[in-house]
């Protein structure tokens, strides 16, 4: 018989609480317990980046973090990037405008990685973006549109300030 642990966290501004086993990853908690399926799980080893989201403002791989570790945290998933009225975040809009996606499997993790980075570095170079996303695997795009989208989003975010 496994022991259950009470967890409570804020995900995209909404409070979620549940009694879960200690072995449940944050990715599985978000997808299966909370029903937020925008976070994708690819490798389950933290290598591909598909499960990237923000925990207390920091980009993390949710497949390698246990949900109990996020107890009390503020979590943002790709669903939380857009405004409540549906207006896309500049990174999301740039992915559309710059053809930064094809099959879409890597897209949530790419967008979360880029959005978190642009909060720290609002004026990245192309080389910095390429280095940033080198930890996220995309098998479809060749990364050109993703790099353009990141640079476009950075510009739009700077202009908005």
N, C-alpha and C. Protein backbone atom coordinates (compact mmCIF):
# COMPACT_ATOMS: atom_id res chain seq x y z
N UNK A 1 0.84 -1.17 0.00
CA UNK A 1 0.00 0.00 0.00
C UNK A 1 0.89 1.24 0.00
N UNK A 2 0.62 2.15 -0.91
CA UNK A 2 1.45 3.34 -1.00
C UNK A 2 0.86 4.48 -0.17
N UNK A 3 1.75 5.31 0.30
CA UNK A 3 1.35 6.47 1.09
C UNK A 3 1.02 7.62 0.15
N UNK A 4 -0.07 8.32 0.44
CA UNK A 4 -0.46 9.47 -0.36
C UNK A 4 0.04 10.75 0.31
N UNK A 5 0.39 11.72 -0.53
CA UNK A 5 0.88 13.00 -0.06
C UNK A 5 -0.02 14.10 -0.59
N UNK A 6 -0.42 14.99 0.29
CA UNK A 6 -1.26 16.12 -0.12
C UNK A 6 -0.36 17.15 -0.80
N UNK A 7 -0.76 17.56 -2.01
CA UNK A 7 -0.04 18.63 -2.70
C UNK A 7 -1.05 19.69 -3.11
N UNK A 8 -0.56 20.90 -3.11
CA UNK A 8 -1.36 22.02 -3.58
C UNK A 8 -0.41 22.96 -4.31
N UNK A 9 -0.82 23.38 -5.48
CA UNK A 9 -0.02 24.33 -6.25
C UNK A 9 -0.94 25.18 -7.09
N UNK A 10 -0.42 26.29 -7.53
CA UNK A 10 -1.17 27.17 -8.42
C UNK A 10 -0.65 26.92 -9.82
N UNK A 11 -1.55 26.53 -10.71
CA UNK A 11 -1.18 26.26 -12.10
C UNK A 11 -1.97 27.22 -12.98
N UNK A 12 -1.23 28.06 -13.70
CA UNK A 12 -1.84 29.06 -14.57
C UNK A 12 -2.86 29.92 -13.83
N UNK A 13 -2.54 30.24 -12.57
CA UNK A 13 -3.40 31.12 -11.77
C UNK A 13 -4.53 30.43 -11.04
N UNK A 14 -4.68 29.13 -11.22
CA UNK A 14 -5.76 28.38 -10.57
C UNK A 14 -5.16 27.39 -9.57
N UNK A 15 -5.81 27.27 -8.43
CA UNK A 15 -5.33 26.37 -7.39
C UNK A 15 -5.75 24.92 -7.70
N UNK A 16 -4.80 24.03 -7.53
CA UNK A 16 -5.05 22.59 -7.70
C UNK A 16 -4.52 21.89 -6.45
N UNK A 17 -5.30 20.94 -5.95
CA UNK A 17 -4.84 20.15 -4.83
C UNK A 17 -5.29 18.71 -5.01
N UNK A 18 -4.46 17.81 -4.52
CA UNK A 18 -4.78 16.39 -4.65
C UNK A 18 -3.91 15.60 -3.68
N UNK A 19 -4.34 14.39 -3.40
CA UNK A 19 -3.55 13.44 -2.63
C UNK A 19 -2.95 12.48 -3.65
N UNK A 20 -1.62 12.46 -3.72
CA UNK A 20 -0.93 11.68 -4.76
C UNK A 20 0.20 10.84 -4.17
N UNK A 21 0.61 9.86 -4.93
CA UNK A 21 1.78 9.07 -4.57
C UNK A 21 3.03 9.91 -4.82
N UNK A 22 4.04 9.69 -4.02
CA UNK A 22 5.27 10.47 -4.12
C UNK A 22 5.96 10.29 -5.47
N UNK A 23 5.72 9.19 -6.14
CA UNK A 23 6.41 8.88 -7.40
C UNK A 23 5.80 9.55 -8.63
N UNK A 24 4.71 10.28 -8.49
CA UNK A 24 4.03 10.92 -9.62
C UNK A 24 4.85 12.13 -10.08
N UNK A 25 5.20 12.16 -11.36
CA UNK A 25 5.96 13.30 -11.87
C UNK A 25 5.04 14.51 -12.00
N UNK A 26 5.67 15.67 -12.05
CA UNK A 26 4.89 16.89 -12.25
C UNK A 26 4.17 16.86 -13.58
N UNK A 27 4.82 16.31 -14.61
CA UNK A 27 4.19 16.21 -15.93
C UNK A 27 2.92 15.35 -15.85
N UNK A 28 3.00 14.22 -15.20
CA UNK A 28 1.83 13.34 -15.08
C UNK A 28 0.74 13.98 -14.22
N UNK A 29 1.13 14.67 -13.15
CA UNK A 29 0.15 15.36 -12.31
C UNK A 29 -0.61 16.39 -13.14
N UNK A 30 0.13 17.19 -13.90
CA UNK A 30 -0.49 18.24 -14.71
C UNK A 30 -1.40 17.65 -15.79
N UNK A 31 -0.92 16.63 -16.47
CA UNK A 31 -1.69 16.03 -17.57
C UNK A 31 -2.87 15.21 -17.07
N UNK A 32 -2.63 14.31 -16.11
CA UNK A 32 -3.64 13.33 -15.73
C UNK A 32 -4.53 13.76 -14.57
N UNK A 33 -3.97 14.43 -13.60
CA UNK A 33 -4.76 14.86 -12.46
C UNK A 33 -5.47 16.19 -12.74
N UNK A 34 -4.74 17.10 -13.37
CA UNK A 34 -5.31 18.44 -13.61
C UNK A 34 -5.97 18.56 -14.98
N UNK A 35 -5.69 17.64 -15.88
CA UNK A 35 -6.32 17.67 -17.20
C UNK A 35 -5.76 18.71 -18.16
N UNK A 36 -4.57 19.21 -17.88
CA UNK A 36 -3.92 20.19 -18.75
C UNK A 36 -2.94 19.45 -19.67
N UNK A 37 -3.38 19.14 -20.86
CA UNK A 37 -2.61 18.25 -21.73
C UNK A 37 -1.68 18.97 -22.70
N UNK A 38 -1.51 20.26 -22.56
CA UNK A 38 -0.58 20.99 -23.43
C UNK A 38 0.86 20.61 -23.17
N UNK A 39 1.18 20.22 -21.96
CA UNK A 39 2.53 19.77 -21.63
C UNK A 39 2.71 18.37 -22.20
N UNK A 40 3.67 18.22 -23.08
CA UNK A 40 3.89 16.91 -23.71
C UNK A 40 5.01 16.16 -23.01
N UNK A 41 4.93 14.85 -23.05
CA UNK A 41 5.96 13.99 -22.48
C UNK A 41 6.56 13.18 -23.62
N UNK A 42 7.86 13.35 -23.81
CA UNK A 42 8.53 12.64 -24.90
C UNK A 42 9.43 11.54 -24.37
N UNK A 43 10.59 11.92 -23.89
CA UNK A 43 11.62 10.94 -23.52
C UNK A 43 11.49 10.42 -22.09
N UNK A 44 10.85 11.17 -21.22
CA UNK A 44 10.72 10.87 -19.79
C UNK A 44 12.06 10.79 -19.07
N UNK A 45 13.09 11.44 -19.63
CA UNK A 45 14.42 11.49 -19.02
C UNK A 45 14.96 12.91 -18.95
N UNK A 46 14.18 13.91 -19.35
CA UNK A 46 14.62 15.29 -19.31
C UNK A 46 15.52 15.69 -20.45
N UNK A 47 15.58 14.88 -21.50
CA UNK A 47 16.49 15.13 -22.61
C UNK A 47 15.84 15.91 -23.76
N UNK A 48 14.58 15.63 -24.06
CA UNK A 48 13.97 16.17 -25.28
C UNK A 48 13.39 17.57 -25.10
N UNK A 49 13.01 17.95 -23.89
CA UNK A 49 12.49 19.29 -23.63
C UNK A 49 11.01 19.47 -23.88
N UNK A 50 10.31 18.44 -24.35
CA UNK A 50 8.88 18.58 -24.68
C UNK A 50 8.05 18.93 -23.45
N UNK A 51 8.49 18.54 -22.27
CA UNK A 51 7.71 18.73 -21.04
C UNK A 51 8.07 20.01 -20.29
N UNK A 52 8.85 20.88 -20.89
CA UNK A 52 9.30 22.09 -20.19
C UNK A 52 8.13 22.98 -19.82
N UNK A 53 8.16 23.45 -18.58
CA UNK A 53 7.21 24.44 -18.09
C UNK A 53 7.93 25.30 -17.06
N UNK A 54 7.23 26.25 -16.48
CA UNK A 54 7.86 27.12 -15.49
C UNK A 54 7.34 26.81 -14.10
N UNK A 55 8.25 26.67 -13.18
CA UNK A 55 7.93 26.49 -11.76
C UNK A 55 8.57 27.66 -11.03
N UNK A 56 7.73 28.47 -10.41
CA UNK A 56 8.19 29.69 -9.73
C UNK A 56 9.08 30.52 -10.66
N UNK A 57 8.66 30.61 -11.93
CA UNK A 57 9.33 31.45 -12.90
C UNK A 57 10.53 30.85 -13.59
N UNK A 58 10.92 29.64 -13.20
CA UNK A 58 12.11 29.00 -13.76
C UNK A 58 11.70 27.85 -14.68
N UNK A 59 12.30 27.78 -15.86
CA UNK A 59 12.01 26.68 -16.78
C UNK A 59 12.56 25.37 -16.21
N UNK A 60 11.70 24.35 -16.15
CA UNK A 60 12.10 23.04 -15.65
C UNK A 60 11.54 21.94 -16.54
N UNK A 61 12.16 20.80 -16.50
CA UNK A 61 11.67 19.61 -17.20
C UNK A 61 10.73 18.88 -16.24
N UNK A 62 9.47 18.91 -16.54
CA UNK A 62 8.48 18.37 -15.61
C UNK A 62 8.45 16.85 -15.55
N UNK A 63 9.12 16.19 -16.50
CA UNK A 63 9.16 14.72 -16.45
C UNK A 63 10.20 14.21 -15.46
N UNK A 64 11.09 15.09 -15.01
CA UNK A 64 12.12 14.66 -14.05
C UNK A 64 11.92 15.28 -12.67
N UNK A 65 10.80 15.95 -12.51
CA UNK A 65 10.48 16.58 -11.22
C UNK A 65 9.23 15.91 -10.67
N UNK A 66 9.27 15.56 -9.41
CA UNK A 66 8.09 14.97 -8.79
C UNK A 66 7.10 16.08 -8.43
N UNK A 67 5.84 15.76 -8.52
CA UNK A 67 4.80 16.74 -8.19
C UNK A 67 4.92 17.20 -6.74
N UNK A 68 5.31 16.32 -5.84
CA UNK A 68 5.46 16.71 -4.43
C UNK A 68 6.53 17.78 -4.27
N UNK A 69 7.49 17.84 -5.19
CA UNK A 69 8.52 18.88 -5.14
C UNK A 69 7.96 20.25 -5.51
N UNK A 70 6.84 20.27 -6.18
CA UNK A 70 6.21 21.53 -6.59
C UNK A 70 5.11 21.96 -5.62
N UNK A 71 4.98 21.25 -4.52
CA UNK A 71 3.96 21.61 -3.54
C UNK A 71 4.18 23.06 -3.10
N UNK A 72 3.13 23.87 -3.21
CA UNK A 72 3.20 25.28 -2.84
C UNK A 72 3.73 26.19 -3.93
N UNK A 73 4.11 25.64 -5.05
CA UNK A 73 4.72 26.43 -6.13
C UNK A 73 3.68 27.06 -7.04
N UNK A 74 4.15 28.00 -7.82
CA UNK A 74 3.37 28.59 -8.90
C UNK A 74 3.90 28.02 -10.21
N UNK A 75 3.05 27.35 -10.95
CA UNK A 75 3.44 26.66 -12.17
C UNK A 75 2.74 27.32 -13.36
N UNK A 76 3.49 27.48 -14.43
CA UNK A 76 2.91 27.97 -15.68
C UNK A 76 3.15 26.94 -16.76
N UNK A 77 2.07 26.52 -17.41
CA UNK A 77 2.16 25.60 -18.54
C UNK A 77 1.93 26.41 -19.81
N UNK A 78 2.05 25.76 -20.94
CA UNK A 78 1.84 26.45 -22.21
C UNK A 78 0.44 27.04 -22.30
N UNK A 79 -0.53 26.40 -21.66
CA UNK A 79 -1.89 26.95 -21.64
C UNK A 79 -1.94 28.29 -20.91
N UNK A 80 -1.02 28.49 -19.97
CA UNK A 80 -1.00 29.71 -19.19
C UNK A 80 -0.24 30.86 -19.83
N UNK A 81 0.39 30.62 -20.97
CA UNK A 81 1.09 31.72 -21.65
C UNK A 81 0.10 32.71 -22.26
N UNK A 82 -0.96 32.21 -22.85
CA UNK A 82 -1.95 33.08 -23.49
C UNK A 82 -2.72 33.87 -22.44
N UNK A 83 -3.26 35.00 -22.84
CA UNK A 83 -4.09 35.82 -21.96
C UNK A 83 -5.44 35.11 -21.74
N UNK A 84 -6.13 35.44 -20.65
CA UNK A 84 -7.44 34.81 -20.40
C UNK A 84 -8.45 35.01 -21.54
N UNK A 85 -8.30 36.09 -22.30
CA UNK A 85 -9.23 36.33 -23.42
C UNK A 85 -8.83 35.58 -24.68
N UNK A 86 -7.76 34.78 -24.59
CA UNK A 86 -7.32 33.99 -25.74
C UNK A 86 -6.22 34.64 -26.57
N UNK A 87 -5.86 35.88 -26.26
CA UNK A 87 -4.77 36.54 -26.98
C UNK A 87 -3.48 35.77 -26.72
N UNK A 88 -2.84 35.38 -27.80
CA UNK A 88 -1.61 34.59 -27.67
C UNK A 88 -0.48 35.41 -27.09
N UNK A 89 0.37 34.75 -26.35
CA UNK A 89 1.63 35.34 -25.86
C UNK A 89 2.48 35.65 -27.09
N UNK A 90 3.31 36.67 -27.06
CA UNK A 90 4.15 36.98 -28.23
C UNK A 90 4.97 35.79 -28.75
N UNK A 91 5.42 34.91 -27.87
CA UNK A 91 6.16 33.72 -28.33
C UNK A 91 5.22 32.81 -29.12
N UNK A 92 4.02 32.59 -28.62
CA UNK A 92 3.06 31.74 -29.33
C UNK A 92 2.68 32.35 -30.68
N UNK A 93 2.45 33.66 -30.70
CA UNK A 93 2.09 34.33 -31.95
C UNK A 93 3.23 34.26 -32.95
N UNK A 94 4.45 34.42 -32.45
CA UNK A 94 5.61 34.37 -33.34
C UNK A 94 5.79 32.98 -33.95
N UNK A 95 5.48 31.95 -33.20
CA UNK A 95 5.57 30.59 -33.76
C UNK A 95 4.62 30.45 -34.94
N UNK A 96 3.44 31.05 -34.83
CA UNK A 96 2.48 31.03 -35.92
C UNK A 96 2.98 31.88 -37.09
N UNK A 97 3.41 33.09 -36.80
CA UNK A 97 3.83 34.03 -37.84
C UNK A 97 5.07 33.58 -38.59
N UNK A 98 5.98 32.91 -37.89
CA UNK A 98 7.28 32.54 -38.47
C UNK A 98 7.37 31.06 -38.85
N UNK A 99 6.24 30.38 -38.86
CA UNK A 99 6.23 28.94 -39.19
C UNK A 99 7.20 28.16 -38.31
N UNK A 100 7.10 28.40 -37.01
CA UNK A 100 8.00 27.75 -36.06
C UNK A 100 7.51 26.39 -35.59
N UNK A 101 6.51 25.84 -36.25
CA UNK A 101 6.04 24.52 -35.84
C UNK A 101 5.59 23.72 -37.06
N UNK A 102 5.67 22.43 -36.90
CA UNK A 102 5.12 21.53 -37.93
C UNK A 102 4.22 20.52 -37.24
N UNK A 103 4.77 19.44 -36.72
CA UNK A 103 3.88 18.46 -36.08
C UNK A 103 3.37 18.99 -34.75
N UNK A 104 4.10 19.86 -34.09
CA UNK A 104 3.66 20.49 -32.86
C UNK A 104 4.03 19.77 -31.58
N UNK A 105 4.66 18.62 -31.66
CA UNK A 105 4.95 17.88 -30.43
C UNK A 105 5.94 18.63 -29.54
N UNK A 106 6.97 19.21 -30.13
CA UNK A 106 7.98 19.92 -29.34
C UNK A 106 7.54 21.33 -28.97
N UNK A 107 6.51 21.83 -29.63
CA UNK A 107 6.13 23.25 -29.54
C UNK A 107 5.90 23.74 -28.11
N UNK A 108 5.11 23.06 -27.27
CA UNK A 108 4.90 23.60 -25.92
C UNK A 108 6.22 23.77 -25.15
N UNK A 109 7.08 22.79 -25.21
CA UNK A 109 8.36 22.88 -24.51
C UNK A 109 9.26 23.96 -25.08
N UNK A 110 9.27 24.08 -26.40
CA UNK A 110 10.05 25.15 -27.04
C UNK A 110 9.53 26.51 -26.60
N UNK A 111 8.22 26.68 -26.64
CA UNK A 111 7.64 27.97 -26.28
C UNK A 111 7.91 28.32 -24.82
N UNK A 112 7.80 27.36 -23.93
CA UNK A 112 8.05 27.62 -22.52
C UNK A 112 9.53 27.93 -22.27
N UNK A 113 10.41 27.22 -22.94
CA UNK A 113 11.85 27.47 -22.81
C UNK A 113 12.18 28.89 -23.27
N UNK A 114 11.66 29.25 -24.43
CA UNK A 114 11.93 30.57 -25.01
C UNK A 114 11.30 31.68 -24.17
N UNK A 115 10.06 31.50 -23.75
CA UNK A 115 9.39 32.53 -22.95
C UNK A 115 10.13 32.79 -21.65
N UNK A 116 10.56 31.74 -20.97
CA UNK A 116 11.31 31.91 -19.72
C UNK A 116 12.63 32.62 -19.97
N UNK A 117 13.30 32.25 -21.04
CA UNK A 117 14.60 32.86 -21.37
C UNK A 117 14.45 34.34 -21.70
N UNK A 118 13.42 34.69 -22.45
CA UNK A 118 13.23 36.09 -22.84
C UNK A 118 12.91 36.98 -21.64
N UNK A 119 12.41 36.41 -20.57
CA UNK A 119 12.22 37.18 -19.34
C UNK A 119 13.56 37.56 -18.73
N UNK A 120 14.56 36.69 -18.89
CA UNK A 120 15.90 36.95 -18.37
C UNK A 120 16.76 37.75 -19.35
N UNK A 121 16.60 37.48 -20.62
CA UNK A 121 17.41 38.12 -21.66
C UNK A 121 16.49 38.61 -22.77
N UNK A 122 16.03 39.86 -22.68
CA UNK A 122 15.07 40.36 -23.66
C UNK A 122 15.67 40.71 -25.02
N UNK A 123 16.98 40.65 -25.13
CA UNK A 123 17.63 41.01 -26.39
C UNK A 123 18.66 39.95 -26.80
N UNK A 124 18.19 38.73 -27.06
CA UNK A 124 19.14 37.65 -27.37
C UNK A 124 19.66 37.73 -28.80
N UNK A 125 20.82 37.16 -28.99
CA UNK A 125 21.37 37.02 -30.34
C UNK A 125 20.86 35.70 -30.93
N UNK A 126 21.02 35.55 -32.22
CA UNK A 126 20.65 34.28 -32.85
C UNK A 126 21.44 33.13 -32.26
N UNK A 127 22.71 33.36 -32.01
CA UNK A 127 23.56 32.31 -31.43
C UNK A 127 23.05 31.90 -30.04
N UNK A 128 22.64 32.88 -29.22
CA UNK A 128 22.12 32.58 -27.89
C UNK A 128 20.83 31.75 -27.99
N UNK A 129 19.98 32.10 -28.93
CA UNK A 129 18.73 31.34 -29.12
C UNK A 129 19.06 29.91 -29.55
N UNK A 130 19.97 29.78 -30.50
CA UNK A 130 20.34 28.42 -30.95
C UNK A 130 20.91 27.59 -29.81
N UNK A 131 21.72 28.21 -28.97
CA UNK A 131 22.28 27.50 -27.82
C UNK A 131 21.16 27.14 -26.84
N UNK A 132 20.25 28.07 -26.60
CA UNK A 132 19.13 27.84 -25.70
C UNK A 132 18.31 26.63 -26.11
N UNK A 133 17.92 26.59 -27.37
CA UNK A 133 17.02 25.51 -27.82
C UNK A 133 17.75 24.22 -28.18
N UNK A 134 19.08 24.22 -28.02
CA UNK A 134 19.82 22.99 -28.30
C UNK A 134 19.43 21.87 -27.34
N UNK A 135 18.81 22.21 -26.24
CA UNK A 135 18.33 21.22 -25.28
C UNK A 135 16.91 20.76 -25.54
N UNK A 136 16.31 21.22 -26.63
CA UNK A 136 14.96 20.81 -27.01
C UNK A 136 15.02 20.15 -28.38
N UNK A 137 14.50 18.97 -28.47
CA UNK A 137 14.57 18.23 -29.73
C UNK A 137 13.33 18.48 -30.58
N UNK A 138 13.58 18.84 -31.84
CA UNK A 138 12.52 18.96 -32.84
C UNK A 138 12.94 18.09 -34.02
N UNK A 139 12.09 17.21 -34.42
CA UNK A 139 12.43 16.31 -35.52
C UNK A 139 11.86 16.78 -36.86
N UNK A 140 11.14 17.89 -36.87
CA UNK A 140 10.43 18.30 -38.10
C UNK A 140 10.96 19.56 -38.76
N UNK A 141 11.27 20.59 -37.99
CA UNK A 141 11.41 21.93 -38.56
C UNK A 141 12.78 22.31 -39.06
N UNK A 142 13.82 21.68 -38.58
CA UNK A 142 15.16 22.15 -38.90
C UNK A 142 15.52 23.38 -38.09
N UNK A 143 14.68 23.78 -37.17
CA UNK A 143 14.89 24.86 -36.19
C UNK A 143 14.90 26.27 -36.77
N UNK A 144 14.92 26.45 -38.08
CA UNK A 144 15.00 27.80 -38.66
C UNK A 144 13.82 28.66 -38.24
N UNK A 145 12.60 28.15 -38.39
CA UNK A 145 11.41 28.90 -38.01
C UNK A 145 11.34 29.16 -36.52
N UNK A 146 11.84 28.23 -35.74
CA UNK A 146 11.82 28.38 -34.29
C UNK A 146 12.76 29.52 -33.88
N UNK A 147 13.94 29.56 -34.48
CA UNK A 147 14.90 30.63 -34.18
C UNK A 147 14.31 31.98 -34.60
N UNK A 148 13.73 32.03 -35.79
CA UNK A 148 13.09 33.28 -36.25
C UNK A 148 11.98 33.70 -35.30
N UNK A 149 11.19 32.73 -34.86
CA UNK A 149 10.08 33.02 -33.94
C UNK A 149 10.60 33.58 -32.62
N UNK A 150 11.66 33.01 -32.08
CA UNK A 150 12.22 33.49 -30.82
C UNK A 150 12.73 34.92 -30.96
N UNK A 151 13.41 35.20 -32.04
CA UNK A 151 13.93 36.56 -32.26
C UNK A 151 12.79 37.54 -32.50
N UNK A 152 11.76 37.12 -33.23
CA UNK A 152 10.60 37.97 -33.48
C UNK A 152 9.86 38.26 -32.17
N UNK A 153 9.68 37.26 -31.34
CA UNK A 153 9.00 37.44 -30.06
C UNK A 153 9.80 38.38 -29.16
N UNK A 154 11.11 38.23 -29.16
CA UNK A 154 11.95 39.11 -28.34
C UNK A 154 11.76 40.57 -28.77
N UNK A 155 11.73 40.79 -30.07
CA UNK A 155 11.54 42.15 -30.58
C UNK A 155 10.18 42.69 -30.17
N UNK A 156 9.13 41.88 -30.33
CA UNK A 156 7.79 42.33 -29.96
C UNK A 156 7.67 42.61 -28.46
N UNK A 157 8.29 41.79 -27.66
CA UNK A 157 8.27 42.01 -26.21
C UNK A 157 9.00 43.30 -25.85
N UNK A 158 10.12 43.57 -26.51
CA UNK A 158 10.85 44.83 -26.25
C UNK A 158 10.02 46.03 -26.65
N UNK A 159 9.36 45.93 -27.80
CA UNK A 159 8.53 47.04 -28.30
C UNK A 159 7.34 47.31 -27.39
N UNK A 160 6.83 46.29 -26.73
CA UNK A 160 5.67 46.43 -25.86
C UNK A 160 6.00 47.12 -24.53
N UNK A 161 7.28 47.23 -24.22
CA UNK A 161 7.66 47.82 -22.93
C UNK A 161 7.80 49.30 -23.00
